[in-house]
Structure formats: C-alpha cells, structure tokens
Amino acid sequence: MDEFADQIFDHVITLCGSADQNCPAFFGGVTRAHIGFDDPDKATGTEDEILAVFRRVRDDIRERIEKYLTGNEAGA
C-alpha cells in the first residue's frame, strides 16, 4: 500500500473476502465496493482442475468488474 499512499482514488474495489474487512481506509470521497470471489489458491484436485478454478475466477472478475464499471452491478 505504501506505493499508492500519495495517490488519489475515486473507487476502491476489494475482491477477496478478507479484503472487505481488512482493506485500509481511503479518505476523500472514495467510493468503496466489495465484489467477492472464491479464492482460487484454495482449489484442490488435479492440475487441470485447479487451473480451471483459476480461469473461472479470472473470468468472473473480468465480467463483474466490467459490469460494475458500466453501472450494471452495484457490488456484492
């Protein structure tokens, strides 16, 4: 977070469950949204099954962030 300490943000979107509760405070009219996803790092199974979980989460993130940015999703 130190890397971004002096930057101003309009929106902060958290993605993992713990980030919603543990995300640092942002001041100055920041719009916060939480759009939660499964943690693909916790996937089990064969290499192909784990890869499929990572790809599903990647695709879900892309889809839901695009919807959020176009005003079609208010966050979860």
Protein backbone atom coordinates (compact mmCIF):
# COMPACT_ATOMS: atom_id res chain seq x y z
CA MET A 1 0.00 0.00 0.00
CA ASP A 2 2.92 2.37 0.56
CA GLU A 3 3.36 2.50 -3.22
CA PHE A 4 -0.06 4.17 -3.55
CA ALA A 5 -0.01 6.31 -0.37
CA ASP A 6 0.15 9.68 -2.15
CA GLN A 7 -2.33 8.85 -4.91
CA ILE A 8 -5.99 9.85 -5.02
CA PHE A 9 -8.61 7.27 -5.92
CA ASP A 10 -12.23 7.67 -6.97
CA HIS A 11 -13.08 3.99 -6.48
CA VAL A 12 -11.65 1.15 -4.42
CA ILE A 13 -12.90 -2.34 -5.24
CA THR A 14 -12.00 -5.22 -2.96
CA LEU A 15 -12.20 -8.73 -4.34
CA CYS A 16 -11.39 -11.31 -1.67
CA GLY A 17 -13.44 -11.90 1.46
CA SER A 18 -10.91 -10.69 3.98
CA ALA A 19 -10.11 -7.55 1.98
CA ASP A 20 -13.60 -6.20 2.63
CA GLN A 21 -12.92 -6.19 6.37
CA ASN A 22 -9.16 -5.54 6.30
CA CYS A 23 -8.77 -3.01 3.50
CA PRO A 24 -7.10 0.18 4.70
CA ALA A 25 -9.21 3.30 4.99
CA PHE A 26 -9.36 5.58 1.97
CA PHE A 27 -10.40 9.18 2.54
CA GLY A 28 -11.64 11.98 0.34
CA GLY A 29 -14.88 10.77 -1.18
CA VAL A 30 -13.71 7.35 -2.28
CA THR A 31 -16.46 5.03 -3.44
CA ARG A 32 -15.84 1.57 -1.98
CA ALA A 33 -17.34 -1.59 -3.35
CA HIS A 34 -16.77 -5.20 -2.46
CA ILE A 35 -17.22 -7.84 -5.14
CA GLY A 36 -16.28 -11.15 -3.55
CA PHE A 37 -14.87 -14.20 -5.26
CA ASP A 38 -13.71 -17.67 -4.32
CA ASP A 39 -10.01 -17.83 -3.52
CA PRO A 40 -8.57 -19.93 -6.35
CA ASP A 41 -5.44 -20.57 -4.30
CA LYS A 42 -7.55 -22.87 -2.11
CA ALA A 43 -8.61 -25.04 -5.06
CA THR A 44 -7.84 -28.74 -4.81
CA GLY A 45 -7.72 -31.53 -7.34
CA THR A 46 -5.61 -32.30 -10.34
CA GLU A 47 -3.51 -29.66 -12.01
CA ASP A 48 -6.17 -29.30 -14.71
CA GLU A 49 -8.97 -28.95 -12.14
CA ILE A 50 -7.05 -26.29 -10.23
CA LEU A 51 -6.25 -24.43 -13.45
CA ALA A 52 -9.96 -24.50 -14.32
CA VAL A 53 -10.80 -22.83 -10.99
CA PHE A 54 -8.20 -20.09 -11.57
CA ARG A 55 -9.58 -19.48 -15.06
CA ARG A 56 -13.19 -19.38 -13.80
CA VAL A 57 -12.34 -16.85 -11.11
CA ARG A 58 -10.32 -14.78 -13.60
CA ASP A 59 -13.27 -14.71 -15.98
CA ASP A 60 -15.72 -13.90 -13.16
CA ILE A 61 -13.54 -10.99 -12.05
CA ARG A 62 -13.39 -9.60 -15.57
CA GLU A 63 -17.13 -9.91 -16.10
CA ARG A 64 -18.20 -8.45 -12.76
CA ILE A 65 -15.70 -5.57 -12.82
CA GLU A 66 -16.85 -4.66 -16.34
CA LYS A 67 -20.47 -4.72 -15.13
CA TYR A 68 -19.56 -2.59 -12.12
CA LEU A 69 -17.73 -0.02 -14.23
CA THR A 70 -20.65 0.27 -16.67
CA GLY A 71 -23.15 0.67 -13.84
CA ASN A 72 -24.78 -2.74 -14.26
CA GLU A 73 -23.68 -4.13 -10.89
CA ALA A 74 -23.57 -2.41 -7.54
CA GLY A 75 -21.15 -4.83 -5.91
CA ALA A 76 -21.87 -7.88 -3.84
